Amino acid sequence: MCEFSGAAIGSLFPRGVRPANQIGEIVSKTQKH
């Protein structure tokens, strides 16, 4: 039985998607993978 309450969808800003110098395993827009 699912009882998780509804979670509101926030505005689409990149929270949790961090600048390249802050996290290790990332790729910038200019890199090709």
PDB file of all heavy atoms in Angstrom:
ATOM      1  N   MET A   1       0.854  -1.193   0.000  1.00  0.00           N
ATOM      2  CA  MET A   1       0.000   0.000   0.000  1.00  0.00           C
ATOM      3  C   MET A   1       0.886   1.239   0.000  1.00  0.00           C
ATOM      4  O   MET A   1       1.777   1.393   0.813  1.00  0.00           O
ATOM      5  CB  MET A   1      -0.909   0.007   1.217  1.00  0.00           C
ATOM      6  CG  MET A   1      -1.794   1.242   1.316  1.00  0.00           C
ATOM      7  SD  MET A   1      -2.880   1.157   2.758  1.00  0.00           S
ATOM      8  CE  MET A   1      -3.716   2.717   2.607  1.00  0.00           C
ATOM      9  N   CYS A   2       0.631   2.097  -0.942  1.00  0.00           N
ATOM     10  CA  CYS A   2       1.456   3.295  -1.059  1.00  0.00           C
ATOM     11  C   CYS A   2       0.865   4.414  -0.222  1.00  0.00           C
ATOM     12  O   CYS A   2      -0.277   4.800  -0.419  1.00  0.00           O
ATOM     13  CB  CYS A   2       1.543   3.725  -2.518  1.00  0.00           C
ATOM     14  SG  CYS A   2       2.609   5.137  -2.769  1.00  0.00           S
ATOM     15  N   GLU A   3       1.654   4.938   0.721  1.00  0.00           N
ATOM     16  CA  GLU A   3       1.152   5.998   1.589  1.00  0.00           C
ATOM     17  C   GLU A   3       2.039   7.232   1.568  1.00  0.00           C
ATOM     18  O   GLU A   3       1.859   8.132   2.355  1.00  0.00           O
ATOM     19  CB  GLU A   3       1.032   5.478   3.022  1.00  0.00           C
ATOM     20  CG  GLU A   3       0.030   4.350   3.180  1.00  0.00           C
ATOM     21  CD  GLU A   3      -0.095   3.886   4.597  1.00  0.00           C
ATOM     22  OE1 GLU A   3       0.648   4.416   5.449  1.00  0.00           O
ATOM     23  OE2 GLU A   3      -0.915   3.007   4.865  1.00  0.00           O
ATOM     24  N   PHE A   4       3.033   7.250   0.663  1.00  0.00           N
ATOM     25  CA  PHE A   4       3.853   8.446   0.559  1.00  0.00           C
ATOM     26  C   PHE A   4       2.974   9.616   0.145  1.00  0.00           C
ATOM     27  O   PHE A   4       2.183   9.516  -0.779  1.00  0.00           O
ATOM     28  CB  PHE A   4       4.956   8.254  -0.480  1.00  0.00           C
ATOM     29  CG  PHE A   4       6.072   7.359  -0.016  1.00  0.00           C
ATOM     30  CD1 PHE A   4       6.153   6.059  -0.465  1.00  0.00           C
ATOM     31  CD2 PHE A   4       7.035   7.807   0.868  1.00  0.00           C
ATOM     32  CE1 PHE A   4       7.168   5.226  -0.060  1.00  0.00           C
ATOM     33  CE2 PHE A   4       8.056   6.987   1.287  1.00  0.00           C
ATOM     34  CZ  PHE A   4       8.120   5.682   0.822  1.00  0.00           C
ATOM     35  N   SER A   5       3.109  10.728   0.833  1.00  0.00           N
ATOM     36  CA  SER A   5       2.292  11.888   0.501  1.00  0.00           C
ATOM     37  C   SER A   5       2.801  12.526  -0.784  1.00  0.00           C
ATOM     38  O   SER A   5       3.923  12.317  -1.200  1.00  0.00           O
ATOM     39  CB  SER A   5       2.363  12.925   1.623  1.00  0.00           C
ATOM     40  OG  SER A   5       3.664  13.443   1.744  1.00  0.00           O
ATOM     41  N   GLY A   6       1.926  13.305  -1.422  1.00  0.00           N
ATOM     42  CA  GLY A   6       2.299  13.956  -2.660  1.00  0.00           C
ATOM     43  C   GLY A   6       3.408  14.974  -2.442  1.00  0.00           C
ATOM     44  O   GLY A   6       3.381  15.764  -1.517  1.00  0.00           O
ATOM     45  N   ALA A   7       4.417  14.926  -3.319  1.00  0.00           N
ATOM     46  CA  ALA A   7       5.526  15.873  -3.221  1.00  0.00           C
ATOM     47  C   ALA A   7       5.360  16.938  -4.290  1.00  0.00           C
ATOM     48  O   ALA A   7       5.141  16.631  -5.446  1.00  0.00           O
ATOM     49  CB  ALA A   7       6.861  15.149  -3.406  1.00  0.00           C
ATOM     50  N   ALA A   8       5.433  18.206  -3.895  1.00  0.00           N
ATOM     51  CA  ALA A   8       5.267  19.285  -4.853  1.00  0.00           C
ATOM     52  C   ALA A   8       6.454  19.345  -5.798  1.00  0.00           C
ATOM     53  O   ALA A   8       7.588  19.104  -5.418  1.00  0.00           O
ATOM     54  CB  ALA A   8       5.130  20.621  -4.111  1.00  0.00           C
ATOM     55  N   ILE A   9       6.175  19.636  -7.042  1.00  0.00           N
ATOM     56  CA  ILE A   9       7.233  19.803  -8.037  1.00  0.00           C
ATOM     57  C   ILE A   9       7.698  21.249  -7.998  1.00  0.00           C
ATOM     58  O   ILE A   9       6.930  22.171  -8.214  1.00  0.00           O
ATOM     59  CB  ILE A   9       6.728  19.455  -9.443  1.00  0.00           C
ATOM     60  CG1 ILE A   9       6.190  18.027  -9.462  1.00  0.00           C
ATOM     61  CG2 ILE A   9       7.817  19.620 -10.478  1.00  0.00           C
ATOM     62  CD1 ILE A   9       7.205  16.979  -9.095  1.00  0.00           C
ATOM     63  N   GLY A  10       8.976  21.438  -7.717  1.00  0.00           N
ATOM     64  CA  GLY A  10       9.508  22.785  -7.594  1.00  0.00           C
ATOM     65  C   GLY A  10       9.847  23.395  -8.941  1.00  0.00           C
ATOM     66  O   GLY A  10       9.705  22.780  -9.977  1.00  0.00           O
ATOM     67  N   SER A  11      10.298  24.630  -8.935  1.00  0.00           N
ATOM     68  CA  SER A  11      10.723  25.281 -10.167  1.00  0.00           C
ATOM     69  C   SER A  11      11.947  24.568 -10.712  1.00  0.00           C
ATOM     70  O   SER A  11      12.722  23.978  -9.974  1.00  0.00           O
ATOM     71  CB  SER A  11      11.048  26.754  -9.901  1.00  0.00           C
ATOM     72  OG  SER A  11      12.070  26.842  -8.922  1.00  0.00           O
ATOM     73  N   LEU A  12      12.132  24.617 -12.025  1.00  0.00           N
ATOM     74  CA  LEU A  12      13.178  23.843 -12.672  1.00  0.00           C
ATOM     75  C   LEU A  12      14.505  24.588 -12.644  1.00  0.00           C
ATOM     76  O   LEU A  12      14.960  25.126 -13.641  1.00  0.00           O
ATOM     77  CB  LEU A  12      12.768  23.525 -14.115  1.00  0.00           C
ATOM     78  CG  LEU A  12      11.491  22.701 -14.239  1.00  0.00           C
ATOM     79  CD1 LEU A  12      11.201  22.395 -15.689  1.00  0.00           C
ATOM     80  CD2 LEU A  12      11.596  21.422 -13.446  1.00  0.00           C
ATOM     81  N   PHE A  13      15.125  24.627 -11.479  1.00  0.00           N
ATOM     82  CA  PHE A  13      16.457  25.212 -11.398  1.00  0.00           C
ATOM     83  C   PHE A  13      17.428  24.092 -11.054  1.00  0.00           C
ATOM     84  O   PHE A  13      17.049  23.091 -10.460  1.00  0.00           O
ATOM     85  CB  PHE A  13      16.517  26.328 -10.348  1.00  0.00           C
ATOM     86  CG  PHE A  13      16.211  25.871  -8.951  1.00  0.00           C
ATOM     87  CD1 PHE A  13      17.220  25.477  -8.086  1.00  0.00           C
ATOM     88  CD2 PHE A  13      14.904  25.836  -8.499  1.00  0.00           C
ATOM     89  CE1 PHE A  13      16.932  25.050  -6.798  1.00  0.00           C
ATOM     90  CE2 PHE A  13      14.610  25.418  -7.210  1.00  0.00           C
ATOM     91  CZ  PHE A  13      15.626  25.023  -6.359  1.00  0.00           C
ATOM     92  N   PRO A  14      18.707  24.237 -11.421  1.00  0.00           N
ATOM     93  CA  PRO A  14      19.652  23.125 -11.329  1.00  0.00           C
ATOM     94  C   PRO A  14      20.230  22.909  -9.941  1.00  0.00           C
ATOM     95  O   PRO A  14      21.432  22.803  -9.771  1.00  0.00           O
ATOM     96  CB  PRO A  14      20.736  23.520 -12.334  1.00  0.00           C
ATOM     97  CG  PRO A  14      20.744  25.008 -12.302  1.00  0.00           C
ATOM     98  CD  PRO A  14      19.298  25.401 -12.111  1.00  0.00           C
ATOM     99  N   ARG A  15      19.390  22.841  -8.918  1.00  0.00           N
ATOM    100  CA  ARG A  15      19.880  22.511  -7.590  1.00  0.00           C
ATOM    101  C   ARG A  15      20.305  21.049  -7.576  1.00  0.00           C
ATOM    102  O   ARG A  15      19.576  20.172  -8.043  1.00  0.00           O
ATOM    103  CB  ARG A  15      18.787  22.736  -6.558  1.00  0.00           C
ATOM    104  CG  ARG A  15      19.216  22.394  -5.133  1.00  0.00           C
ATOM    105  CD  ARG A  15      18.109  22.723  -4.157  1.00  0.00           C
ATOM    106  NE  ARG A  15      18.466  22.336  -2.814  1.00  0.00           N
ATOM    107  CZ  ARG A  15      17.689  22.498  -1.754  1.00  0.00           C
ATOM    108  NH1 ARG A  15      16.528  23.076  -1.892  1.00  0.00           N
ATOM    109  NH2 ARG A  15      18.087  22.104  -0.563  1.00  0.00           N
ATOM    110  N   GLY A  16      21.473  20.745  -7.045  1.00  0.00           N
ATOM    111  CA  GLY A  16      21.978  19.391  -7.060  1.00  0.00           C
ATOM    112  C   GLY A  16      22.788  19.078  -8.297  1.00  0.00           C
ATOM    113  O   GLY A  16      23.441  18.053  -8.375  1.00  0.00           O
ATOM    114  N   VAL A  17      22.748  19.941  -9.314  1.00  0.00           N
ATOM    115  CA  VAL A  17      23.607  19.807 -10.486  1.00  0.00           C
ATOM    116  C   VAL A  17      24.654  20.899 -10.364  1.00  0.00           C
ATOM    117  O   VAL A  17      24.385  22.064 -10.605  1.00  0.00           O
ATOM    118  CB  VAL A  17      22.801  19.971 -11.792  1.00  0.00           C
ATOM    119  CG1 VAL A  17      23.688  19.738 -12.992  1.00  0.00           C
ATOM    120  CG2 VAL A  17      21.634  19.010 -11.803  1.00  0.00           C
ATOM    121  N   ARG A  18      25.838  20.563  -9.939  1.00  0.00           N
ATOM    122  CA  ARG A  18      26.769  21.549  -9.425  1.00  0.00           C
ATOM    123  C   ARG A  18      27.842  21.940 -10.430  1.00  0.00           C
ATOM    124  O   ARG A  18      28.104  21.212 -11.379  1.00  0.00           O
ATOM    125  CB  ARG A  18      27.416  21.000  -8.150  1.00  0.00           C
ATOM    126  CG  ARG A  18      26.366  20.564  -7.134  1.00  0.00           C
ATOM    127  CD  ARG A  18      26.973  20.128  -5.846  1.00  0.00           C
ATOM    128  NE  ARG A  18      25.934  19.656  -4.938  1.00  0.00           N
ATOM    129  CZ  ARG A  18      26.149  19.331  -3.690  1.00  0.00           C
ATOM    130  NH1 ARG A  18      27.349  19.396  -3.173  1.00  0.00           N
ATOM    131  NH2 ARG A  18      25.161  18.909  -2.930  1.00  0.00           N
ATOM    132  N   PRO A  19      28.490  23.100 -10.219  1.00  0.00           N
ATOM    133  CA  PRO A  19      29.569  23.527 -11.113  1.00  0.00           C
ATOM    134  C   PRO A  19      30.692  22.511 -11.174  1.00  0.00           C
ATOM    135  O   PRO A  19      30.913  21.741 -10.245  1.00  0.00           O
ATOM    136  CB  PRO A  19      30.040  24.838 -10.473  1.00  0.00           C
ATOM    137  CG  PRO A  19      28.853  25.327  -9.707  1.00  0.00           C
ATOM    138  CD  PRO A  19      28.162  24.088  -9.204  1.00  0.00           C
ATOM    139  N   ALA A  20      31.418  22.542 -12.277  1.00  0.00           N
ATOM    140  CA  ALA A  20      32.414  21.511 -12.558  1.00  0.00           C
ATOM    141  C   ALA A  20      33.530  21.454 -11.525  1.00  0.00           C
ATOM    142  O   ALA A  20      34.132  20.410 -11.316  1.00  0.00           O
ATOM    143  CB  ALA A  20      33.008  21.740 -13.948  1.00  0.00           C
ATOM    144  N   ASN A  21      33.823  22.553 -10.843  1.00  0.00           N
ATOM    145  CA  ASN A  21      34.932  22.546  -9.894  1.00  0.00           C
ATOM    146  C   ASN A  21      34.512  22.066  -8.500  1.00  0.00           C
ATOM    147  O   ASN A  21      35.315  22.055  -7.580  1.00  0.00           O
ATOM    148  CB  ASN A  21      35.538  23.944  -9.785  1.00  0.00           C
ATOM    149  CG  ASN A  21      34.528  24.979  -9.309  1.00  0.00           C
ATOM    150  OD1 ASN A  21      33.345  24.692  -9.219  1.00  0.00           O
ATOM    151  ND2 ASN A  21      35.007  26.167  -9.022  1.00  0.00           N
ATOM    152  N   GLN A  22      33.251  21.665  -8.326  1.00  0.00           N
ATOM    153  CA  GLN A  22      32.782  21.280  -6.996  1.00  0.00           C
ATOM    154  C   GLN A  22      32.630  19.779  -6.809  1.00  0.00           C
ATOM    155  O   GLN A  22      32.621  19.304  -5.685  1.00  0.00           O
ATOM    156  CB  GLN A  22      31.441  21.961  -6.693  1.00  0.00           C
ATOM    157  CG  GLN A  22      31.581  23.461  -6.517  1.00  0.00           C
ATOM    158  CD  GLN A  22      30.295  24.088  -6.035  1.00  0.00           C
ATOM    159  OE1 GLN A  22      29.388  23.403  -5.586  1.00  0.00           O
ATOM    160  NE2 GLN A  22      30.204  25.395  -6.127  1.00  0.00           N
ATOM    161  N   ILE A  23      32.471  19.021  -7.885  1.00  0.00           N
ATOM    162  CA  ILE A  23      32.313  17.592  -7.740  1.00  0.00           C
ATOM    163  C   ILE A  23      33.255  16.867  -8.686  1.00  0.00           C
ATOM    164  O   ILE A  23      33.761  17.446  -9.639  1.00  0.00           O
ATOM    165  CB  ILE A  23      30.861  17.153  -8.019  1.00  0.00           C
ATOM    166  CG1 ILE A  23      30.414  17.595  -9.412  1.00  0.00           C
ATOM    167  CG2 ILE A  23      29.919  17.673  -6.980  1.00  0.00           C
ATOM    168  CD1 ILE A  23      29.002  17.164  -9.738  1.00  0.00           C
ATOM    169  N   GLY A  24      33.489  15.595  -8.392  1.00  0.00           N
ATOM    170  CA  GLY A  24      34.505  14.856  -9.116  1.00  0.00           C
ATOM    171  C   GLY A  24      34.059  14.284 -10.443  1.00  0.00           C
ATOM    172  O   GLY A  24      34.580  14.666 -11.495  1.00  0.00           O
ATOM    173  N   GLU A  25      33.104  13.363 -10.428  1.00  0.00           N
ATOM    174  CA  GLU A  25      32.760  12.635 -11.642  1.00  0.00           C
ATOM    175  C   GLU A  25      31.708  13.387 -12.442  1.00  0.00           C
ATOM    176  O   GLU A  25      30.519  13.114 -12.405  1.00  0.00           O
ATOM    177  CB  GLU A  25      32.237  11.253 -11.293  1.00  0.00           C
ATOM    178  CG  GLU A  25      32.085  10.362 -12.512  1.00  0.00           C
ATOM    179  CD  GLU A  25      31.623   8.988 -12.134  1.00  0.00           C
ATOM    180  OE1 GLU A  25      32.462   8.191 -11.710  1.00  0.00           O
ATOM    181  OE2 GLU A  25      30.414   8.714 -12.262  1.00  0.00           O
ATOM    182  N   ILE A  26      32.141  14.372 -13.204  1.00  0.00           N
ATOM    183  CA  ILE A  26      31.248  15.207 -13.986  1.00  0.00           C
ATOM    184  C   ILE A  26      31.852  15.447 -15.350  1.00  0.00           C
ATOM    185  O   ILE A  26      33.007  15.149 -15.602  1.00  0.00           O
ATOM    186  CB  ILE A  26      30.995  16.567 -13.296  1.00  0.00           C
ATOM    187  CG1 ILE A  26      32.333  17.249 -13.021  1.00  0.00           C
ATOM    188  CG2 ILE A  26      30.222  16.410 -12.019  1.00  0.00           C
ATOM    189  CD1 ILE A  26      32.177  18.647 -12.506  1.00  0.00           C
ATOM    190  N   VAL A  27      31.064  16.000 -16.218  1.00  0.00           N
ATOM    191  CA  VAL A  27      31.569  16.358 -17.539  1.00  0.00           C
ATOM    192  C   VAL A  27      30.974  17.711 -17.908  1.00  0.00           C
ATOM    193  O   VAL A  27      29.798  17.954 -17.734  1.00  0.00           O
ATOM    194  CB  VAL A  27      31.203  15.290 -18.595  1.00  0.00           C
ATOM    195  CG1 VAL A  27      29.733  15.008 -18.625  1.00  0.00           C
ATOM    196  CG2 VAL A  27      31.670  15.719 -19.985  1.00  0.00           C
ATOM    197  N   SER A  28      31.788  18.614 -18.402  1.00  0.00           N
ATOM    198  CA  SER A  28      31.301  19.938 -18.765  1.00  0.00           C
ATOM    199  C   SER A  28      30.702  19.911 -20.161  1.00  0.00           C
ATOM    200  O   SER A  28      30.838  18.938 -20.899  1.00  0.00           O
ATOM    201  CB  SER A  28      32.445  20.954 -18.726  1.00  0.00           C
ATOM    202  OG  SER A  28      33.357  20.695 -19.777  1.00  0.00           O
ATOM    203  N   LYS A  29      30.051  20.984 -20.544  1.00  0.00           N
ATOM    204  CA  LYS A  29      29.401  21.069 -21.845  1.00  0.00           C
ATOM    205  C   LYS A  29      30.396  20.930 -22.980  1.00  0.00           C
ATOM    206  O   LYS A  29      30.076  20.412 -24.044  1.00  0.00           O
ATOM    207  CB  LYS A  29      28.643  22.400 -21.952  1.00  0.00           C
ATOM    208  CG  LYS A  29      27.953  22.636 -23.291  1.00  0.00           C
ATOM    209  CD  LYS A  29      27.226  23.948 -23.276  1.00  0.00           C
ATOM    210  CE  LYS A  29      26.696  24.287 -24.670  1.00  0.00           C
ATOM    211  NZ  LYS A  29      25.766  23.279 -25.156  1.00  0.00           N
ATOM    212  N   THR A  30      31.628  21.375 -22.775  1.00  0.00           N
ATOM    213  CA  THR A  30      32.599  21.379 -23.859  1.00  0.00           C
ATOM    214  C   THR A  30      33.274  20.031 -24.051  1.00  0.00           C
ATOM    215  O   THR A  30      33.948  19.815 -25.050  1.00  0.00           O
ATOM    216  CB  THR A  30      33.680  22.442 -23.591  1.00  0.00           C
ATOM    217  OG1 THR A  30      34.294  22.169 -22.323  1.00  0.00           O
ATOM    218  CG2 THR A  30      33.072  23.827 -23.559  1.00  0.00           C
ATOM    219  N   GLN A  31      33.123  19.096 -23.097  1.00  0.00           N
ATOM    220  CA  GLN A  31      33.722  17.787 -23.232  1.00  0.00           C
ATOM    221  C   GLN A  31      32.802  16.860 -24.011  1.00  0.00           C
ATOM    222  O   GLN A  31      31.587  16.972 -23.956  1.00  0.00           O
ATOM    223  CB  GLN A  31      34.001  17.175 -21.844  1.00  0.00           C
ATOM    224  CG  GLN A  31      35.085  17.917 -21.072  1.00  0.00           C
ATOM    225  CD  GLN A  31      35.253  17.322 -19.686  1.00  0.00           C
ATOM    226  OE1 GLN A  31      34.332  17.342 -18.889  1.00  0.00           O
ATOM    227  NE2 GLN A  31      36.426  16.784 -19.421  1.00  0.00           N
ATOM    228  N   LYS A  32      33.400  15.924 -24.760  1.00  0.00           N
ATOM    229  CA  LYS A  32      32.623  14.999 -25.569  1.00  0.00           C
ATOM    230  C   LYS A  32      32.729  13.592 -25.000  1.00  0.00           C
ATOM    231  O   LYS A  32      33.816  13.052 -24.870  1.00  0.00           O
ATOM    232  CB  LYS A  32      33.109  15.027 -27.016  1.00  0.00           C
ATOM    233  CG  LYS A  32      32.883  16.365 -27.718  1.00  0.00           C
ATOM    234  CD  LYS A  32      33.349  16.319 -29.156  1.00  0.00           C
ATOM    235  CE  LYS A  32      33.087  17.646 -29.854  1.00  0.00           C
ATOM    236  NZ  LYS A  32      33.548  17.632 -31.260  1.00  0.00           N
ATOM    237  N   HIS A  33      31.588  13.017 -24.659  1.00  0.00           N
ATOM    238  CA  HIS A  33      31.536  11.648 -24.168  1.00  0.00           C
ATOM    239  C   HIS A  33      30.396  10.946 -24.890  1.00  0.00           C
ATOM    240  O   HIS A  33      29.232  11.243 -24.646  1.00  0.00           O
ATOM    241  CB  HIS A  33      31.312  11.601 -22.645  1.00  0.00           C
ATOM    242  CG  HIS A  33      32.501  12.084 -21.869  1.00  0.00           C
ATOM    243  ND1 HIS A  33      33.466  11.236 -21.393  1.00  0.00           N
ATOM    244  CD2 HIS A  33      32.871  13.331 -21.507  1.00  0.00           C
ATOM    245  CE1 HIS A  33      34.396  11.938 -20.748  1.00  0.00           C
ATOM    246  NE2 HIS A  33      34.054  13.210 -20.802  1.00  0.00           N
TER     247      HIS A  33
END
